[in-house]
mmCIF file of all heavy atoms, coordinates in Angstrom:
data_MODEL
# 
_entry.id   MODEL 
# 
loop_
_atom_site.group_PDB 
_atom_site.id 
_atom_site.type_symbol 
_atom_site.label_atom_id 
_atom_site.label_alt_id 
_atom_site.label_comp_id 
_atom_site.label_asym_id 
_atom_site.label_entity_id 
_atom_site.label_seq_id 
_atom_site.pdbx_PDB_ins_code 
_atom_site.Cartn_x 
_atom_site.Cartn_y 
_atom_site.Cartn_z 
_atom_site.occupancy 
_atom_site.B_iso_or_equiv 
_atom_site.pdbx_formal_charge 
_atom_site.auth_seq_id 
_atom_site.auth_comp_id 
_atom_site.auth_asym_id 
_atom_site.auth_atom_id 
_atom_site.pdbx_PDB_model_num 
ATOM 1   N N   . ARG A 1 1  ? 29.785 -37.246 -14.430 1.00 0.00 ? 1  ARG A N   1 
ATOM 2   C CA  . ARG A 1 1  ? 30.698 -38.067 -13.879 1.00 0.00 ? 1  ARG A CA  1 
ATOM 3   C C   . ARG A 1 1  ? 30.587 -39.631 -14.184 1.00 0.00 ? 1  ARG A C   1 
ATOM 4   O O   . ARG A 1 1  ? 31.502 -40.278 -14.621 1.00 0.00 ? 1  ARG A O   1 
ATOM 5   C CB  . ARG A 1 1  ? 30.821 -37.935 -12.286 1.00 0.00 ? 1  ARG A CB  1 
ATOM 6   C CG  . ARG A 1 1  ? 31.844 -38.713 -11.575 1.00 0.00 ? 1  ARG A CG  1 
ATOM 7   C CD  . ARG A 1 1  ? 31.751 -38.630 -10.033 1.00 0.00 ? 1  ARG A CD  1 
ATOM 8   N NE  . ARG A 1 1  ? 32.172 -37.214 -9.717  1.00 0.00 ? 1  ARG A NE  1 
ATOM 9   C CZ  . ARG A 1 1  ? 31.223 -36.305 -9.299  1.00 0.00 ? 1  ARG A CZ  1 
ATOM 10  N NH1 . ARG A 1 1  ? 29.959 -36.509 -9.288  1.00 0.00 ? 1  ARG A NH1 1 
ATOM 11  N NH2 . ARG A 1 1  ? 31.714 -35.101 -8.848  1.00 0.00 ? 1  ARG A NH2 1 
ATOM 12  N N   . LEU A 1 2  ? 29.308 -40.061 -14.012 1.00 0.00 ? 2  LEU A N   1 
ATOM 13  C CA  . LEU A 1 2  ? 29.019 -41.529 -14.290 1.00 0.00 ? 2  LEU A CA  1 
ATOM 14  C C   . LEU A 1 2  ? 29.052 -41.685 -15.799 1.00 0.00 ? 2  LEU A C   1 
ATOM 15  O O   . LEU A 1 2  ? 29.772 -42.705 -16.160 1.00 0.00 ? 2  LEU A O   1 
ATOM 16  C CB  . LEU A 1 2  ? 27.537 -41.760 -13.773 1.00 0.00 ? 2  LEU A CB  1 
ATOM 17  C CG  . LEU A 1 2  ? 26.994 -43.143 -14.121 1.00 0.00 ? 2  LEU A CG  1 
ATOM 18  C CD1 . LEU A 1 2  ? 27.816 -44.217 -13.537 1.00 0.00 ? 2  LEU A CD1 1 
ATOM 19  C CD2 . LEU A 1 2  ? 25.509 -43.263 -13.668 1.00 0.00 ? 2  LEU A CD2 1 
ATOM 20  N N   . PHE A 1 3  ? 28.683 -40.812 -16.687 1.00 0.00 ? 3  PHE A N   1 
ATOM 21  C CA  . PHE A 1 3  ? 28.809 -40.980 -18.086 1.00 0.00 ? 3  PHE A CA  1 
ATOM 22  C C   . PHE A 1 3  ? 30.243 -41.029 -18.521 1.00 0.00 ? 3  PHE A C   1 
ATOM 23  O O   . PHE A 1 3  ? 30.553 -41.924 -19.301 1.00 0.00 ? 3  PHE A O   1 
ATOM 24  C CB  . PHE A 1 3  ? 28.095 -39.800 -18.700 1.00 0.00 ? 3  PHE A CB  1 
ATOM 25  C CG  . PHE A 1 3  ? 28.431 -39.640 -20.076 1.00 0.00 ? 3  PHE A CG  1 
ATOM 26  C CD1 . PHE A 1 3  ? 28.062 -40.495 -21.215 1.00 0.00 ? 3  PHE A CD1 1 
ATOM 27  C CD2 . PHE A 1 3  ? 29.220 -38.456 -20.469 1.00 0.00 ? 3  PHE A CD2 1 
ATOM 28  C CE1 . PHE A 1 3  ? 28.521 -40.207 -22.497 1.00 0.00 ? 3  PHE A CE1 1 
ATOM 29  C CE2 . PHE A 1 3  ? 29.663 -38.346 -21.852 1.00 0.00 ? 3  PHE A CE2 1 
ATOM 30  C CZ  . PHE A 1 3  ? 29.232 -39.229 -22.931 1.00 0.00 ? 3  PHE A CZ  1 
ATOM 31  N N   . GLY A 1 4  ? 31.030 -40.061 -17.987 1.00 0.00 ? 4  GLY A N   1 
ATOM 32  C CA  . GLY A 1 4  ? 32.440 -40.046 -18.504 1.00 0.00 ? 4  GLY A CA  1 
ATOM 33  C C   . GLY A 1 4  ? 33.144 -41.286 -18.166 1.00 0.00 ? 4  GLY A C   1 
ATOM 34  O O   . GLY A 1 4  ? 33.942 -41.761 -19.084 1.00 0.00 ? 4  GLY A O   1 
ATOM 35  N N   . ASN A 1 5  ? 32.939 -41.786 -17.011 1.00 0.00 ? 5  ASN A N   1 
ATOM 36  C CA  . ASN A 1 5  ? 33.668 -43.037 -16.591 1.00 0.00 ? 5  ASN A CA  1 
ATOM 37  C C   . ASN A 1 5  ? 33.275 -44.264 -17.491 1.00 0.00 ? 5  ASN A C   1 
ATOM 38  O O   . ASN A 1 5  ? 34.112 -45.114 -17.859 1.00 0.00 ? 5  ASN A O   1 
ATOM 39  C CB  . ASN A 1 5  ? 33.586 -43.233 -15.023 1.00 0.00 ? 5  ASN A CB  1 
ATOM 40  C CG  . ASN A 1 5  ? 34.445 -42.513 -14.186 1.00 0.00 ? 5  ASN A CG  1 
ATOM 41  O OD1 . ASN A 1 5  ? 35.581 -42.798 -14.016 1.00 0.00 ? 5  ASN A OD1 1 
ATOM 42  N ND2 . ASN A 1 5  ? 33.878 -41.361 -13.734 1.00 0.00 ? 5  ASN A ND2 1 
ATOM 43  N N   . MET A 1 6  ? 32.004 -44.359 -17.679 1.00 0.00 ? 6  MET A N   1 
ATOM 44  C CA  . MET A 1 6  ? 31.518 -45.566 -18.354 1.00 0.00 ? 6  MET A CA  1 
ATOM 45  C C   . MET A 1 6  ? 31.758 -45.543 -19.791 1.00 0.00 ? 6  MET A C   1 
ATOM 46  O O   . MET A 1 6  ? 32.027 -46.421 -20.573 1.00 0.00 ? 6  MET A O   1 
ATOM 47  C CB  . MET A 1 6  ? 29.898 -45.703 -18.129 1.00 0.00 ? 6  MET A CB  1 
ATOM 48  C CG  . MET A 1 6  ? 29.597 -45.939 -16.688 1.00 0.00 ? 6  MET A CG  1 
ATOM 49  S SD  . MET A 1 6  ? 30.687 -47.311 -15.951 1.00 0.00 ? 6  MET A SD  1 
ATOM 50  C CE  . MET A 1 6  ? 30.302 -48.550 -17.043 1.00 0.00 ? 6  MET A CE  1 
ATOM 51  N N   . PHE A 1 7  ? 31.670 -44.212 -20.398 1.00 0.00 ? 7  PHE A N   1 
ATOM 52  C CA  . PHE A 1 7  ? 31.989 -44.013 -21.863 1.00 0.00 ? 7  PHE A CA  1 
ATOM 53  C C   . PHE A 1 7  ? 33.447 -44.307 -22.041 1.00 0.00 ? 7  PHE A C   1 
ATOM 54  O O   . PHE A 1 7  ? 33.903 -45.072 -23.069 1.00 0.00 ? 7  PHE A O   1 
ATOM 55  C CB  . PHE A 1 7  ? 31.669 -42.547 -22.197 1.00 0.00 ? 7  PHE A CB  1 
ATOM 56  C CG  . PHE A 1 7  ? 31.854 -42.326 -23.687 1.00 0.00 ? 7  PHE A CG  1 
ATOM 57  C CD1 . PHE A 1 7  ? 30.874 -42.782 -24.586 1.00 0.00 ? 7  PHE A CD1 1 
ATOM 58  C CD2 . PHE A 1 7  ? 32.964 -41.663 -24.196 1.00 0.00 ? 7  PHE A CD2 1 
ATOM 59  C CE1 . PHE A 1 7  ? 31.000 -42.364 -25.977 1.00 0.00 ? 7  PHE A CE1 1 
ATOM 60  C CE2 . PHE A 1 7  ? 33.222 -41.414 -25.518 1.00 0.00 ? 7  PHE A CE2 1 
ATOM 61  C CZ  . PHE A 1 7  ? 32.303 -41.704 -26.466 1.00 0.00 ? 7  PHE A CZ  1 
ATOM 62  N N   . ALA A 1 8  ? 34.384 -43.981 -21.204 1.00 0.00 ? 8  ALA A N   1 
ATOM 63  C CA  . ALA A 1 8  ? 35.730 -44.235 -21.369 1.00 0.00 ? 8  ALA A CA  1 
ATOM 64  C C   . ALA A 1 8  ? 36.019 -45.524 -21.182 1.00 0.00 ? 8  ALA A C   1 
ATOM 65  O O   . ALA A 1 8  ? 36.800 -46.163 -21.947 1.00 0.00 ? 8  ALA A O   1 
ATOM 66  C CB  . ALA A 1 8  ? 36.563 -43.428 -20.324 1.00 0.00 ? 8  ALA A CB  1 
ATOM 67  N N   . GLY A 1 9  ? 35.264 -46.294 -20.229 1.00 0.00 ? 9  GLY A N   1 
ATOM 68  C CA  . GLY A 1 9  ? 35.539 -47.794 -20.194 1.00 0.00 ? 9  GLY A CA  1 
ATOM 69  C C   . GLY A 1 9  ? 35.059 -48.468 -21.492 1.00 0.00 ? 9  GLY A C   1 
ATOM 70  O O   . GLY A 1 9  ? 35.718 -49.388 -21.864 1.00 0.00 ? 9  GLY A O   1 
ATOM 71  N N   . GLU A 1 10 ? 34.137 -48.103 -22.161 1.00 0.00 ? 10 GLU A N   1 
ATOM 72  C CA  . GLU A 1 10 ? 33.569 -48.682 -23.295 1.00 0.00 ? 10 GLU A CA  1 
ATOM 73  C C   . GLU A 1 10 ? 34.641 -48.404 -24.349 1.00 0.00 ? 10 GLU A C   1 
ATOM 74  O O   . GLU A 1 10 ? 34.759 -49.424 -25.201 1.00 0.00 ? 10 GLU A O   1 
ATOM 75  C CB  . GLU A 1 10 ? 32.211 -48.131 -23.674 1.00 0.00 ? 10 GLU A CB  1 
ATOM 76  C CG  . GLU A 1 10 ? 31.438 -48.864 -24.796 1.00 0.00 ? 10 GLU A CG  1 
ATOM 77  C CD  . GLU A 1 10 ? 30.003 -48.200 -24.958 1.00 0.00 ? 10 GLU A CD  1 
ATOM 78  O OE1 . GLU A 1 10 ? 29.847 -47.045 -24.852 1.00 0.00 ? 10 GLU A OE1 1 
ATOM 79  O OE2 . GLU A 1 10 ? 29.038 -49.027 -25.411 1.00 0.00 ? 10 GLU A OE2 1 
ATOM 80  N N   . LEU A 1 11 ? 35.209 -47.239 -24.398 1.00 0.00 ? 11 LEU A N   1 
ATOM 81  C CA  . LEU A 1 11 ? 36.208 -47.137 -25.559 1.00 0.00 ? 11 LEU A CA  1 
ATOM 82  C C   . LEU A 1 11 ? 37.276 -47.938 -25.432 1.00 0.00 ? 11 LEU A C   1 
ATOM 83  O O   . LEU A 1 11 ? 37.976 -48.503 -26.214 1.00 0.00 ? 11 LEU A O   1 
ATOM 84  C CB  . LEU A 1 11 ? 36.578 -45.570 -25.438 1.00 0.00 ? 11 LEU A CB  1 
ATOM 85  C CG  . LEU A 1 11 ? 35.608 -44.486 -26.137 1.00 0.00 ? 11 LEU A CG  1 
ATOM 86  C CD1 . LEU A 1 11 ? 36.128 -43.174 -25.937 1.00 0.00 ? 11 LEU A CD1 1 
ATOM 87  C CD2 . LEU A 1 11 ? 35.507 -44.980 -27.613 1.00 0.00 ? 11 LEU A CD2 1 
ATOM 88  N N   . VAL A 1 12 ? 37.769 -48.057 -24.084 1.00 0.00 ? 12 VAL A N   1 
ATOM 89  C CA  . VAL A 1 12 ? 38.904 -49.127 -23.882 1.00 0.00 ? 12 VAL A CA  1 
ATOM 90  C C   . VAL A 1 12 ? 38.576 -50.487 -24.348 1.00 0.00 ? 12 VAL A C   1 
ATOM 91  O O   . VAL A 1 12 ? 39.525 -51.066 -24.977 1.00 0.00 ? 12 VAL A O   1 
ATOM 92  C CB  . VAL A 1 12 ? 39.310 -49.040 -22.338 1.00 0.00 ? 12 VAL A CB  1 
ATOM 93  C CG1 . VAL A 1 12 ? 40.335 -50.055 -22.024 1.00 0.00 ? 12 VAL A CG1 1 
ATOM 94  C CG2 . VAL A 1 12 ? 39.827 -47.667 -21.960 1.00 0.00 ? 12 VAL A CG2 1 
ATOM 95  N N   . PHE A 1 13 ? 37.464 -50.903 -24.062 1.00 0.00 ? 13 PHE A N   1 
ATOM 96  C CA  . PHE A 1 13 ? 37.099 -52.262 -24.490 1.00 0.00 ? 13 PHE A CA  1 
ATOM 97  C C   . PHE A 1 13 ? 37.064 -52.402 -26.038 1.00 0.00 ? 13 PHE A C   1 
ATOM 98  O O   . PHE A 1 13 ? 37.493 -53.355 -26.549 1.00 0.00 ? 13 PHE A O   1 
ATOM 99  C CB  . PHE A 1 13 ? 35.662 -52.636 -24.005 1.00 0.00 ? 13 PHE A CB  1 
ATOM 100 C CG  . PHE A 1 13 ? 35.671 -53.231 -22.677 1.00 0.00 ? 13 PHE A CG  1 
ATOM 101 C CD1 . PHE A 1 13 ? 34.922 -52.735 -21.696 1.00 0.00 ? 13 PHE A CD1 1 
ATOM 102 C CD2 . PHE A 1 13 ? 36.335 -54.470 -22.387 1.00 0.00 ? 13 PHE A CD2 1 
ATOM 103 C CE1 . PHE A 1 13 ? 35.012 -53.252 -20.370 1.00 0.00 ? 13 PHE A CE1 1 
ATOM 104 C CE2 . PHE A 1 13 ? 36.332 -54.919 -21.159 1.00 0.00 ? 13 PHE A CE2 1 
ATOM 105 C CZ  . PHE A 1 13 ? 35.717 -54.464 -20.192 1.00 0.00 ? 13 PHE A CZ  1 
ATOM 106 N N   . MET A 1 14 ? 36.775 -51.268 -26.679 1.00 0.00 ? 14 MET A N   1 
ATOM 107 C CA  . MET A 1 14 ? 36.734 -51.193 -28.245 1.00 0.00 ? 14 MET A CA  1 
ATOM 108 C C   . MET A 1 14 ? 38.089 -51.378 -28.705 1.00 0.00 ? 14 MET A C   1 
ATOM 109 O O   . MET A 1 14 ? 38.481 -52.018 -29.738 1.00 0.00 ? 14 MET A O   1 
ATOM 110 C CB  . MET A 1 14 ? 36.079 -50.004 -28.716 1.00 0.00 ? 14 MET A CB  1 
ATOM 111 C CG  . MET A 1 14 ? 34.507 -50.107 -28.464 1.00 0.00 ? 14 MET A CG  1 
ATOM 112 S SD  . MET A 1 14 ? 33.890 -48.414 -29.135 1.00 0.00 ? 14 MET A SD  1 
ATOM 113 C CE  . MET A 1 14 ? 32.211 -48.557 -28.439 1.00 0.00 ? 14 MET A CE  1 
ATOM 114 N N   . LEU A 1 15 ? 39.120 -50.568 -28.091 1.00 0.00 ? 15 LEU A N   1 
ATOM 115 C CA  . LEU A 1 15 ? 40.482 -50.546 -28.437 1.00 0.00 ? 15 LEU A CA  1 
ATOM 116 C C   . LEU A 1 15 ? 41.121 -51.834 -28.262 1.00 0.00 ? 15 LEU A C   1 
ATOM 117 O O   . LEU A 1 15 ? 41.933 -52.332 -29.029 1.00 0.00 ? 15 LEU A O   1 
ATOM 118 C CB  . LEU A 1 15 ? 41.226 -49.468 -27.684 1.00 0.00 ? 15 LEU A CB  1 
ATOM 119 C CG  . LEU A 1 15 ? 40.770 -47.899 -28.105 1.00 0.00 ? 15 LEU A CG  1 
ATOM 120 C CD1 . LEU A 1 15 ? 41.582 -47.037 -27.141 1.00 0.00 ? 15 LEU A CD1 1 
ATOM 121 C CD2 . LEU A 1 15 ? 41.045 -47.729 -29.516 1.00 0.00 ? 15 LEU A CD2 1 
ATOM 122 N N   . ILE A 1 16 ? 40.768 -52.524 -27.118 1.00 0.00 ? 16 ILE A N   1 
ATOM 123 C CA  . ILE A 1 16 ? 41.410 -53.919 -26.904 1.00 0.00 ? 16 ILE A CA  1 
ATOM 124 C C   . ILE A 1 16 ? 40.782 -54.846 -27.945 1.00 0.00 ? 16 ILE A C   1 
ATOM 125 O O   . ILE A 1 16 ? 41.576 -55.747 -28.439 1.00 0.00 ? 16 ILE A O   1 
ATOM 126 C CB  . ILE A 1 16 ? 41.019 -54.374 -25.497 1.00 0.00 ? 16 ILE A CB  1 
ATOM 127 C CG1 . ILE A 1 16 ? 41.645 -53.495 -24.379 1.00 0.00 ? 16 ILE A CG1 1 
ATOM 128 C CG2 . ILE A 1 16 ? 41.234 -55.768 -25.320 1.00 0.00 ? 16 ILE A CG2 1 
ATOM 129 C CD1 . ILE A 1 16 ? 41.227 -53.699 -22.985 1.00 0.00 ? 16 ILE A CD1 1 
ATOM 130 N N   . ALA A 1 17 ? 39.571 -54.788 -28.364 1.00 0.00 ? 17 ALA A N   1 
ATOM 131 C CA  . ALA A 1 17 ? 38.968 -55.698 -29.244 1.00 0.00 ? 17 ALA A CA  1 
ATOM 132 C C   . ALA A 1 17 ? 39.652 -55.426 -30.551 1.00 0.00 ? 17 ALA A C   1 
ATOM 133 O O   . ALA A 1 17 ? 39.896 -56.309 -31.379 1.00 0.00 ? 17 ALA A O   1 
ATOM 134 C CB  . ALA A 1 17 ? 37.406 -55.317 -29.461 1.00 0.00 ? 17 ALA A CB  1 
ATOM 135 N N   . LEU A 1 18 ? 40.098 -54.154 -31.010 1.00 0.00 ? 18 LEU A N   1 
ATOM 136 C CA  . LEU A 1 18 ? 40.777 -53.953 -32.234 1.00 0.00 ? 18 LEU A CA  1 
ATOM 137 C C   . LEU A 1 18 ? 42.180 -54.600 -32.315 1.00 0.00 ? 18 LEU A C   1 
ATOM 138 O O   . LEU A 1 18 ? 42.659 -54.905 -33.353 1.00 0.00 ? 18 LEU A O   1 
ATOM 139 C CB  . LEU A 1 18 ? 40.971 -52.460 -32.456 1.00 0.00 ? 18 LEU A CB  1 
ATOM 140 C CG  . LEU A 1 18 ? 39.571 -51.794 -32.829 1.00 0.00 ? 18 LEU A CG  1 
ATOM 141 C CD1 . LEU A 1 18 ? 39.748 -50.099 -32.870 1.00 0.00 ? 18 LEU A CD1 1 
ATOM 142 C CD2 . LEU A 1 18 ? 39.236 -52.162 -34.225 1.00 0.00 ? 18 LEU A CD2 1 
ATOM 143 N N   . MET A 1 19 ? 42.822 -54.810 -31.082 1.00 0.00 ? 19 MET A N   1 
ATOM 144 C CA  . MET A 1 19 ? 44.069 -55.557 -31.041 1.00 0.00 ? 19 MET A CA  1 
ATOM 145 C C   . MET A 1 19 ? 43.849 -56.870 -31.619 1.00 0.00 ? 19 MET A C   1 
ATOM 146 O O   . MET A 1 19 ? 44.651 -57.341 -32.443 1.00 0.00 ? 19 MET A O   1 
ATOM 147 C CB  . MET A 1 19 ? 44.569 -55.635 -29.634 1.00 0.00 ? 19 MET A CB  1 
ATOM 148 C CG  . MET A 1 19 ? 45.094 -54.226 -28.981 1.00 0.00 ? 19 MET A CG  1 
ATOM 149 S SD  . MET A 1 19 ? 45.524 -54.530 -27.324 1.00 0.00 ? 19 MET A SD  1 
ATOM 150 C CE  . MET A 1 19 ? 46.671 -55.740 -27.447 1.00 0.00 ? 19 MET A CE  1 
ATOM 151 N N   . GLY A 1 20 ? 42.820 -57.629 -31.215 1.00 0.00 ? 20 GLY A N   1 
ATOM 152 C CA  . GLY A 1 20 ? 42.566 -58.996 -31.747 1.00 0.00 ? 20 GLY A CA  1 
ATOM 153 C C   . GLY A 1 20 ? 42.282 -58.911 -33.225 1.00 0.00 ? 20 GLY A C   1 
ATOM 154 O O   . GLY A 1 20 ? 42.733 -59.863 -33.893 1.00 0.00 ? 20 GLY A O   1 
ATOM 155 N N   . ALA A 1 21 ? 41.560 -57.939 -33.569 1.00 0.00 ? 21 ALA A N   1 
ATOM 156 C CA  . ALA A 1 21 ? 41.143 -57.869 -35.117 1.00 0.00 ? 21 ALA A CA  1 
ATOM 157 C C   . ALA A 1 21 ? 42.463 -57.620 -35.880 1.00 0.00 ? 21 ALA A C   1 
ATOM 158 O O   . ALA A 1 21 ? 42.614 -58.408 -37.008 1.00 0.00 ? 21 ALA A O   1 
ATOM 159 C CB  . ALA A 1 21 ? 40.254 -56.728 -35.399 1.00 0.00 ? 21 ALA A CB  1 
ATOM 160 N N   . VAL A 1 22 ? 43.324 -56.847 -35.541 1.00 0.00 ? 22 VAL A N   1 
ATOM 161 C CA  . VAL A 1 22 ? 44.596 -56.580 -36.108 1.00 0.00 ? 22 VAL A CA  1 
ATOM 162 C C   . VAL A 1 22 ? 45.379 -57.917 -36.135 1.00 0.00 ? 22 VAL A C   1 
ATOM 163 O O   . VAL A 1 22 ? 46.219 -58.256 -37.093 1.00 0.00 ? 22 VAL A O   1 
ATOM 164 C CB  . VAL A 1 22 ? 45.495 -55.358 -35.608 1.00 0.00 ? 22 VAL A CB  1 
ATOM 165 C CG1 . VAL A 1 22 ? 46.784 -55.312 -36.141 1.00 0.00 ? 22 VAL A CG1 1 
ATOM 166 C CG2 . VAL A 1 22 ? 44.648 -54.161 -35.788 1.00 0.00 ? 22 VAL A CG2 1 
ATOM 167 N N   . GLY A 1 23 ? 45.512 -58.525 -34.991 1.00 0.00 ? 23 GLY A N   1 
ATOM 168 C CA  . GLY A 1 23 ? 46.181 -59.759 -34.874 1.00 0.00 ? 23 GLY A CA  1 
ATOM 169 C C   . GLY A 1 23 ? 45.801 -60.814 -35.843 1.00 0.00 ? 23 GLY A C   1 
ATOM 170 O O   . GLY A 1 23 ? 46.676 -61.566 -36.551 1.00 0.00 ? 23 GLY A O   1 
ATOM 171 N N   . PHE A 1 24 ? 44.410 -60.977 -36.029 1.00 0.00 ? 24 PHE A N   1 
ATOM 172 C CA  . PHE A 1 24 ? 43.932 -62.064 -37.069 1.00 0.00 ? 24 PHE A CA  1 
ATOM 173 C C   . PHE A 1 24 ? 44.171 -61.646 -38.501 1.00 0.00 ? 24 PHE A C   1 
ATOM 174 O O   . PHE A 1 24 ? 44.148 -62.439 -39.364 1.00 0.00 ? 24 PHE A O   1 
ATOM 175 C CB  . PHE A 1 24 ? 42.341 -62.240 -36.860 1.00 0.00 ? 24 PHE A CB  1 
ATOM 176 C CG  . PHE A 1 24 ? 42.054 -62.988 -35.718 1.00 0.00 ? 24 PHE A CG  1 
ATOM 177 C CD1 . PHE A 1 24 ? 41.207 -62.685 -34.647 1.00 0.00 ? 24 PHE A CD1 1 
ATOM 178 C CD2 . PHE A 1 24 ? 42.519 -64.482 -35.624 1.00 0.00 ? 24 PHE A CD2 1 
ATOM 179 C CE1 . PHE A 1 24 ? 41.065 -63.505 -33.493 1.00 0.00 ? 24 PHE A CE1 1 
ATOM 180 C CE2 . PHE A 1 24 ? 42.190 -65.252 -34.474 1.00 0.00 ? 24 PHE A CE2 1 
ATOM 181 C CZ  . PHE A 1 24 ? 41.394 -64.841 -33.568 1.00 0.00 ? 24 PHE A CZ  1 
ATOM 182 N N   . ALA A 1 25 ? 44.336 -60.322 -38.739 1.00 0.00 ? 25 ALA A N   1 
ATOM 183 C CA  . ALA A 1 25 ? 44.561 -59.705 -40.089 1.00 0.00 ? 25 ALA A CA  1 
ATOM 184 C C   . ALA A 1 25 ? 46.065 -59.761 -40.629 1.00 0.00 ? 25 ALA A C   1 
ATOM 185 O O   . ALA A 1 25 ? 46.360 -59.664 -41.670 1.00 0.00 ? 25 ALA A O   1 
ATOM 186 C CB  . ALA A 1 25 ? 44.151 -58.310 -40.193 1.00 0.00 ? 25 ALA A CB  1 
ATOM 187 N N   . SER A 1 26 ? 46.965 -60.235 -39.694 1.00 0.00 ? 26 SER A N   1 
ATOM 188 C CA  . SER A 1 26 ? 48.368 -60.246 -40.033 1.00 0.00 ? 26 SER A CA  1 
ATOM 189 C C   . SER A 1 26 ? 49.024 -61.591 -39.714 1.00 0.00 ? 26 SER A C   1 
ATOM 190 O O   . SER A 1 26 ? 48.541 -62.283 -38.752 1.00 0.00 ? 26 SER A O   1 
ATOM 191 C CB  . SER A 1 26 ? 49.174 -59.076 -39.329 1.00 0.00 ? 26 SER A CB  1 
ATOM 192 O OG  . SER A 1 26 ? 48.986 -59.276 -37.889 1.00 0.00 ? 26 SER A OG  1 
# 
């Protein structure tokens, strides 16, 4: 339970970070 919630939260932060990377690339 603890692992699943924290792993999912980490993935969301990665996806949000990729939004900025795509923004700078275009």
